[in-house]
Amino acid sequence: MLSRLTIGERRDQLVECALGLAQRSGMNSVTVRAVAEEAGVSLGVVHYCFANKDELMAAMVERAVATHLQAFLTIQQTPDDPAEIRTGSAALHSMLSETLASALMLARDHPQRWLVLIESTVVSLRAPDSSGSASAALRQNALAEQYGLQFLTELGARSAMTFNGGERDVVRGALQLIYGMIQWWLVDRDDEAATRSLDLLAGWITDRATPVVAVLN
């Protein structure tokens, strides 16, 4: 059965095994040997799929980031009266609130995965410049920014609102607040306080936008 997996499928399997180890026992538990044992394959199979441990760890962290940020690509709009709230500030705020609530729910469902993200950042910042892990935090932030910009662009198009070229600043500020809020939630597990923080964030983002002005021919 093992030989029937494509290299892409095998890589996915190994990444999930690495992530499972990290979630259960921390980043230090993720070694090539441990991942091979977790997946039930030889060391040679892991080395065939990944050039080294750093490449495997990078793929694992990217999977963890993508899983959480996927919530931002599932934009919802659930107003009380769709005919009244379709575009404009109210629509923008509604979609932001729904999406941020989904992001919090995902963190609540998978708190250990957020711990992996926090730990991977610390490991990256402590790593010597010559290590392949040194740039992991930068890659993690870049991926988060990529998802955020895609989300904000789609949100603006749906609500006919624009951030007037300030999307990147809004995304960076919002992500910093989201990461901080979730880290705070991991400490106190106060759902209501986290929800209030996200409501404030939705308002802050909405306040940064203005209606798109139609150009008349």
C-alpha atoms as a PDB file:
ATOM      1  CA  MET A   1       0.000   0.000   0.000  1.00  0.00           C
ATOM      2  CA  LEU A   2       2.823   2.423   0.836  1.00  0.00           C
ATOM      3  CA  SER A   3       4.291   2.196  -2.659  1.00  0.00           C
ATOM      4  CA  ARG A   4       0.989   3.260  -4.215  1.00  0.00           C
ATOM      5  CA  LEU A   5       1.237   6.798  -2.867  1.00  0.00           C
ATOM      6  CA  THR A   6       2.533   9.468  -5.196  1.00  0.00           C
ATOM      7  CA  ILE A   7       5.387  11.636  -3.949  1.00  0.00           C
ATOM      8  CA  GLY A   8       2.900  14.464  -3.387  1.00  0.00           C
ATOM      9  CA  GLU A   9       0.653  12.211  -1.316  1.00  0.00           C
ATOM     10  CA  ARG A  10       3.642  10.899   0.619  1.00  0.00           C
ATOM     11  CA  ARG A  11       4.832  14.440   1.354  1.00  0.00           C
ATOM     12  CA  ASP A  12       1.349  15.310   2.626  1.00  0.00           C
ATOM     13  CA  GLN A  13       1.375  12.246   4.860  1.00  0.00           C
ATOM     14  CA  LEU A  14       4.781  13.080   6.309  1.00  0.00           C
ATOM     15  CA  VAL A  15       3.832  16.720   6.896  1.00  0.00           C
ATOM     16  CA  GLU A  16       0.696  15.657   8.778  1.00  0.00           C
ATOM     17  CA  CYS A  17       2.742  13.219  10.855  1.00  0.00           C
ATOM     18  CA  ALA A  18       5.263  15.948  11.678  1.00  0.00           C
ATOM     19  CA  LEU A  19       2.463  18.320  12.631  1.00  0.00           C
ATOM     20  CA  GLY A  20       0.864  15.671  14.821  1.00  0.00           C
ATOM     21  CA  LEU A  21       4.147  15.144  16.662  1.00  0.00           C
ATOM     22  CA  ALA A  22       4.658  18.885  17.139  1.00  0.00           C
ATOM     23  CA  GLN A  23       1.135  19.349  18.458  1.00  0.00           C
ATOM     24  CA  ARG A  24       1.479  16.501  20.946  1.00  0.00           C
ATOM     25  CA  SER A  25       5.036  16.978  22.141  1.00  0.00           C
ATOM     26  CA  GLY A  26       6.436  20.250  20.818  1.00  0.00           C
ATOM     27  CA  MET A  27       8.777  21.207  17.999  1.00  0.00           C
ATOM     28  CA  ASN A  28      11.788  19.432  19.521  1.00  0.00           C
ATOM     29  CA  SER A  29      10.015  16.102  19.068  1.00  0.00           C
ATOM     30  CA  VAL A  30       9.985  16.482  15.291  1.00  0.00           C
ATOM     31  CA  THR A  31      12.979  14.595  13.937  1.00  0.00           C
ATOM     32  CA  VAL A  32      13.339  12.750  10.647  1.00  0.00           C
ATOM     33  CA  ARG A  33      13.441   9.447  12.532  1.00  0.00           C
ATOM     34  CA  ALA A  34      10.367  10.272  14.613  1.00  0.00           C
ATOM     35  CA  VAL A  35       8.395  11.309  11.540  1.00  0.00           C
ATOM     36  CA  ALA A  36       9.415   8.103   9.747  1.00  0.00           C
ATOM     37  CA  GLU A  37       8.252   6.029  12.707  1.00  0.00           C
ATOM     38  CA  GLU A  38       5.004   7.986  12.949  1.00  0.00           C
ATOM     39  CA  ALA A  39       4.310   7.398   9.259  1.00  0.00           C
ATOM     40  CA  GLY A  40       5.461   3.782   9.338  1.00  0.00           C
ATOM     41  CA  VAL A  41       8.081   4.296   6.626  1.00  0.00           C
ATOM     42  CA  SER A  42      11.859   4.077   6.383  1.00  0.00           C
ATOM     43  CA  LEU A  43      14.227   6.994   6.882  1.00  0.00           C
ATOM     44  CA  GLY A  44      15.021   6.748   3.194  1.00  0.00           C
ATOM     45  CA  VAL A  45      11.418   7.547   2.268  1.00  0.00           C
ATOM     46  CA  VAL A  46      11.501  10.756   4.311  1.00  0.00           C
ATOM     47  CA  HIS A  47      14.830  11.797   2.780  1.00  0.00           C
ATOM     48  CA  TYR A  48      13.467  11.044  -0.676  1.00  0.00           C
ATOM     49  CA  CYS A  49      10.521  13.421  -0.104  1.00  0.00           C
ATOM     50  CA  PHE A  50      12.418  16.162   1.746  1.00  0.00           C
ATOM     51  CA  ALA A  51      16.017  17.243   1.225  1.00  0.00           C
ATOM     52  CA  ASN A  52      16.527  17.760   4.957  1.00  0.00           C
ATOM     53  CA  LYS A  53      14.761  18.382   8.254  1.00  0.00           C
ATOM     54  CA  ASP A  54      14.536  22.124   7.638  1.00  0.00           C
ATOM     55  CA  GLU A  55      12.553  21.543   4.445  1.00  0.00           C
ATOM     56  CA  LEU A  56      10.193  19.185   6.264  1.00  0.00           C
ATOM     57  CA  MET A  57       9.732  21.668   9.129  1.00  0.00           C
ATOM     58  CA  ALA A  58       9.055  24.503   6.687  1.00  0.00           C
ATOM     59  CA  ALA A  59       6.349  22.446   4.982  1.00  0.00           C
ATOM     60  CA  MET A  60       4.849  21.571   8.375  1.00  0.00           C
ATOM     61  CA  VAL A  61       4.677  25.199   9.514  1.00  0.00           C
ATOM     62  CA  GLU A  62       3.217  26.261   6.162  1.00  0.00           C
ATOM     63  CA  ARG A  63       0.496  23.627   6.584  1.00  0.00           C
ATOM     64  CA  ALA A  64      -0.312  24.898  10.077  1.00  0.00           C
ATOM     65  CA  VAL A  65      -0.493  28.515   8.890  1.00  0.00           C
ATOM     66  CA  ALA A  66      -2.587  27.668   5.842  1.00  0.00           C
ATOM     67  CA  THR A  67      -5.056  25.626   7.881  1.00  0.00           C
ATOM     68  CA  HIS A  68      -5.832  28.540  10.175  1.00  0.00           C
ATOM     69  CA  LEU A  69      -5.792  31.244   7.527  1.00  0.00           C
ATOM     70  CA  GLN A  70      -8.104  29.230   5.294  1.00  0.00           C
ATOM     71  CA  ALA A  71     -10.912  30.740   7.363  1.00  0.00           C
ATOM     72  CA  PHE A  72     -10.132  34.068   5.727  1.00  0.00           C
ATOM     73  CA  LEU A  73     -10.791  32.653   2.277  1.00  0.00           C
ATOM     74  CA  THR A  74     -14.274  31.503   3.227  1.00  0.00           C
ATOM     75  CA  ILE A  75     -16.029  34.847   3.280  1.00  0.00           C
ATOM     76  CA  GLN A  76     -19.572  34.850   4.521  1.00  0.00           C
ATOM     77  CA  GLN A  77     -22.289  37.449   4.394  1.00  0.00           C
ATOM     78  CA  THR A  78     -25.259  36.749   6.626  1.00  0.00           C
ATOM     79  CA  PRO A  79     -27.169  40.013   7.138  1.00  0.00           C
ATOM     80  CA  ASP A  80     -30.649  40.085   8.614  1.00  0.00           C
ATOM     81  CA  ASP A  81     -31.985  41.556   5.403  1.00  0.00           C
ATOM     82  CA  PRO A  82     -29.804  40.812   2.352  1.00  0.00           C
ATOM     83  CA  ALA A  83     -31.700  43.404   0.333  1.00  0.00           C
ATOM     84  CA  GLU A  84     -30.647  46.125   2.749  1.00  0.00           C
ATOM     85  CA  ILE A  85     -27.097  45.030   3.532  1.00  0.00           C
ATOM     86  CA  ARG A  86     -25.328  44.045   0.340  1.00  0.00           C
ATOM     87  CA  THR A  87     -22.592  46.609  -0.164  1.00  0.00           C
ATOM     88  CA  GLY A  88     -21.093  49.447   1.856  1.00  0.00           C
ATOM     89  CA  SER A  89     -19.770  49.662   5.404  1.00  0.00           C
ATOM     90  CA  ALA A  90     -22.511  47.495   6.916  1.00  0.00           C
ATOM     91  CA  ALA A  91     -21.806  44.670   4.464  1.00  0.00           C
ATOM     92  CA  LEU A  92     -18.067  44.953   5.044  1.00  0.00           C
ATOM     93  CA  HIS A  93     -18.480  44.838   8.809  1.00  0.00           C
ATOM     94  CA  SER A  94     -20.892  41.896   8.581  1.00  0.00           C
ATOM     95  CA  MET A  95     -18.512  39.789   6.496  1.00  0.00           C
ATOM     96  CA  LEU A  96     -15.542  40.720   8.664  1.00  0.00           C
ATOM     97  CA  SER A  97     -17.376  39.728  11.838  1.00  0.00           C
ATOM     98  CA  GLU A  98     -18.427  36.370  10.402  1.00  0.00           C
ATOM     99  CA  THR A  99     -14.961  35.549   9.155  1.00  0.00           C
ATOM    100  CA  LEU A 100     -13.181  36.609  12.334  1.00  0.00           C
ATOM    101  CA  ALA A 101     -15.635  34.504  14.353  1.00  0.00           C
ATOM    102  CA  SER A 102     -14.748  31.520  12.145  1.00  0.00           C
ATOM    103  CA  ALA A 103     -11.050  32.142  12.731  1.00  0.00           C
ATOM    104  CA  LEU A 104     -11.572  32.177  16.502  1.00  0.00           C
ATOM    105  CA  MET A 105     -13.629  28.974  16.316  1.00  0.00           C
ATOM    106  CA  LEU A 106     -10.832  27.282  14.371  1.00  0.00           C
ATOM    107  CA  ALA A 107      -8.311  28.307  17.019  1.00  0.00           C
ATOM    108  CA  ARG A 108     -10.628  26.968  19.723  1.00  0.00           C
ATOM    109  CA  ASP A 109     -10.939  23.667  17.885  1.00  0.00           C
ATOM    110  CA  HIS A 110      -7.176  23.321  17.291  1.00  0.00           C
ATOM    111  CA  PRO A 111      -5.329  25.199  20.065  1.00  0.00           C
ATOM    112  CA  GLN A 112      -2.290  22.925  19.840  1.00  0.00           C
ATOM    113  CA  ARG A 113      -1.783  23.940  16.220  1.00  0.00           C
ATOM    114  CA  TRP A 114      -1.526  27.589  17.263  1.00  0.00           C
ATOM    115  CA  LEU A 115       1.064  26.589  19.852  1.00  0.00           C
ATOM    116  CA  VAL A 116       3.084  25.071  17.014  1.00  0.00           C
ATOM    117  CA  LEU A 117       2.985  28.411  15.181  1.00  0.00           C
ATOM    118  CA  ILE A 118       4.114  30.296  18.267  1.00  0.00           C
ATOM    119  CA  GLU A 119       6.860  27.798  19.013  1.00  0.00           C
ATOM    120  CA  SER A 120       8.081  27.733  15.405  1.00  0.00           C
ATOM    121  CA  THR A 121       8.447  31.520  15.474  1.00  0.00           C
ATOM    122  CA  VAL A 122      10.531  31.379  18.655  1.00  0.00           C
ATOM    123  CA  VAL A 123      12.695  28.565  17.230  1.00  0.00           C
ATOM    124  CA  SER A 124      13.246  30.589  14.055  1.00  0.00           C
ATOM    125  CA  LEU A 125      14.193  33.759  15.932  1.00  0.00           C
ATOM    126  CA  ARG A 126      16.686  31.841  18.092  1.00  0.00           C
ATOM    127  CA  ALA A 127      18.266  30.009  15.157  1.00  0.00           C
ATOM    128  CA  PRO A 128      21.680  31.167  13.857  1.00  0.00           C
ATOM    129  CA  ASP A 129      21.635  33.003  10.549  1.00  0.00           C
ATOM    130  CA  SER A 130      23.309  30.035   8.852  1.00  0.00           C
ATOM    131  CA  SER A 131      20.472  27.691   9.830  1.00  0.00           C
ATOM    132  CA  GLY A 132      17.662  26.851   7.432  1.00  0.00           C
ATOM    133  CA  SER A 133      15.261  27.597  10.284  1.00  0.00           C
ATOM    134  CA  ALA A 134      16.370  31.228  10.552  1.00  0.00           C
ATOM    135  CA  SER A 135      14.030  32.417   7.792  1.00  0.00           C
ATOM    136  CA  ALA A 136      11.032  30.334   8.907  1.00  0.00           C
ATOM    137  CA  ALA A 137       9.400  33.219  10.789  1.00  0.00           C
ATOM    138  CA  LEU A 138       9.723  35.496   7.761  1.00  0.00           C
ATOM    139  CA  ARG A 139       8.129  32.839   5.525  1.00  0.00           C
ATOM    140  CA  GLN A 140       5.346  32.354   8.036  1.00  0.00           C
ATOM    141  CA  ASN A 141       4.579  36.081   8.128  1.00  0.00           C
ATOM    142  CA  ALA A 142       4.777  36.358   4.341  1.00  0.00           C
ATOM    143  CA  LEU A 143       2.281  33.532   3.919  1.00  0.00           C
ATOM    144  CA  ALA A 144      -0.086  35.124   6.430  1.00  0.00           C
ATOM    145  CA  GLU A 145       0.182  38.446   4.608  1.00  0.00           C
ATOM    146  CA  GLN A 146      -0.524  36.734   1.283  1.00  0.00           C
ATOM    147  CA  TYR A 147      -3.726  35.199   2.633  1.00  0.00           C
ATOM    148  CA  GLY A 148      -4.711  38.478   4.265  1.00  0.00           C
ATOM    149  CA  LEU A 149      -4.296  40.506   1.097  1.00  0.00           C
ATOM    150  CA  GLN A 150      -6.295  37.979  -0.896  1.00  0.00           C
ATOM    151  CA  PHE A 151      -9.026  38.139   1.733  1.00  0.00           C
ATOM    152  CA  LEU A 152      -9.151  41.925   1.894  1.00  0.00           C
ATOM    153  CA  THR A 153      -9.181  42.266  -1.891  1.00  0.00           C
ATOM    154  CA  GLU A 154     -12.119  39.888  -2.188  1.00  0.00           C
ATOM    155  CA  LEU A 155     -13.895  41.576   0.699  1.00  0.00           C
ATOM    156  CA  GLY A 156     -13.541  44.997  -0.913  1.00  0.00           C
ATOM    157  CA  ALA A 157     -14.858  43.710  -4.228  1.00  0.00           C
ATOM    158  CA  ARG A 158     -17.914  42.125  -2.603  1.00  0.00           C
ATOM    159  CA  SER A 159     -18.805  45.126  -0.482  1.00  0.00           C
ATOM    160  CA  ALA A 160     -17.879  47.834  -3.044  1.00  0.00           C
ATOM    161  CA  MET A 161     -15.477  49.333  -0.521  1.00  0.00           C
ATOM    162  CA  THR A 162     -11.848  50.327  -1.028  1.00  0.00           C
ATOM    163  CA  PHE A 163      -8.859  50.724   1.252  1.00  0.00           C
ATOM    164  CA  ASN A 164      -7.330  53.281  -1.109  1.00  0.00           C
ATOM    165  CA  GLY A 165      -4.054  51.450  -1.561  1.00  0.00           C
ATOM    166  CA  GLY A 166      -3.564  50.869   2.163  1.00  0.00           C
ATOM    167  CA  GLU A 167      -4.454  47.168   2.073  1.00  0.00           C
ATOM    168  CA  ARG A 168      -1.018  45.969   3.144  1.00  0.00           C
ATOM    169  CA  ASP A 169      -0.920  48.223   6.199  1.00  0.00           C
ATOM    170  CA  VAL A 170      -4.428  47.131   7.188  1.00  0.00           C
ATOM    171  CA  VAL A 171      -3.539  43.462   6.738  1.00  0.00           C
ATOM    172  CA  ARG A 172      -0.344  43.728   8.769  1.00  0.00           C
ATOM    173  CA  GLY A 173      -2.088  45.581  11.596  1.00  0.00           C
ATOM    174  CA  ALA A 174      -5.027  43.171  11.609  1.00  0.00           C
ATOM    175  CA  LEU A 175      -2.841  40.056  11.607  1.00  0.00           C
ATOM    176  CA  GLN A 176      -0.761  41.383  14.479  1.00  0.00           C
ATOM    177  CA  LEU A 177      -3.926  41.958  16.489  1.00  0.00           C
ATOM    178  CA  ILE A 178      -5.379  38.553  15.570  1.00  0.00           C
ATOM    179  CA  TYR A 179      -2.203  36.712  16.520  1.00  0.00           C
ATOM    180  CA  GLY A 180      -1.988  38.615  19.795  1.00  0.00           C
ATOM    181  CA  MET A 181      -5.651  38.044  20.581  1.00  0.00           C
ATOM    182  CA  ILE A 182      -5.417  34.302  19.975  1.00  0.00           C
ATOM    183  CA  GLN A 183      -2.245  34.038  22.041  1.00  0.00           C
ATOM    184  CA  TRP A 184      -4.062  35.871  24.842  1.00  0.00           C
ATOM    185  CA  TRP A 185      -7.017  33.474  24.437  1.00  0.00           C
ATOM    186  CA  LEU A 186      -4.657  30.496  24.752  1.00  0.00           C
ATOM    187  CA  VAL A 187      -3.756  31.823  28.193  1.00  0.00           C
ATOM    188  CA  ASP A 188      -7.172  32.716  29.626  1.00  0.00           C
ATOM    189  CA  ARG A 189      -9.629  30.828  27.312  1.00  0.00           C
ATOM    190  CA  ASP A 190     -12.065  33.722  27.675  1.00  0.00           C
ATOM    191  CA  ASP A 191     -14.323  33.368  24.619  1.00  0.00           C
ATOM    192  CA  GLU A 192     -16.399  36.458  25.369  1.00  0.00           C
ATOM    193  CA  ALA A 193     -13.366  38.710  25.765  1.00  0.00           C
ATOM    194  CA  ALA A 194     -11.868  37.359  22.540  1.00  0.00           C
ATOM    195  CA  THR A 195     -15.136  37.986  20.704  1.00  0.00           C
ATOM    196  CA  ARG A 196     -15.212  41.585  21.955  1.00  0.00           C
ATOM    197  CA  SER A 197     -11.641  42.072  20.754  1.00  0.00           C
ATOM    198  CA  LEU A 198     -12.571  40.768  17.318  1.00  0.00           C
ATOM    199  CA  ASP A 199     -15.596  43.080  17.198  1.00  0.00           C
ATOM    200  CA  LEU A 200     -13.276  46.024  17.843  1.00  0.00           C
ATOM    201  CA  LEU A 201     -10.965  44.764  15.101  1.00  0.00           C
ATOM    202  CA  ALA A 202     -13.846  44.457  12.632  1.00  0.00           C
ATOM    203  CA  GLY A 203     -14.779  48.044  13.403  1.00  0.00           C
ATOM    204  CA  TRP A 204     -11.204  49.230  13.001  1.00  0.00           C
ATOM    205  CA  ILE A 205     -10.847  47.583   9.588  1.00  0.00           C
ATOM    206  CA  THR A 206     -14.214  48.928   8.442  1.00  0.00           C
ATOM    207  CA  ASP A 207     -13.214  52.435   9.479  1.00  0.00           C
ATOM    208  CA  ARG A 208     -10.166  52.182   7.185  1.00  0.00           C
ATOM    209  CA  ALA A 209     -12.377  51.711   4.091  1.00  0.00           C
ATOM    210  CA  THR A 210     -14.424  54.078   1.948  1.00  0.00           C
ATOM    211  CA  PRO A 211     -17.080  53.393  -0.701  1.00  0.00           C
ATOM    212  CA  VAL A 212     -15.922  52.789  -4.245  1.00  0.00           C
ATOM    213  CA  VAL A 213     -16.808  55.796  -6.380  1.00  0.00           C
ATOM    214  CA  ALA A 214     -18.402  54.809  -9.677  1.00  0.00           C
ATOM    215  CA  VAL A 215     -16.830  56.381 -12.730  1.00  0.00           C
ATOM    216  CA  LEU A 216     -19.446  57.774 -15.126  1.00  0.00           C
ATOM    217  CA  ASN A 217     -18.798  57.548 -18.873  1.00  0.00           C
END
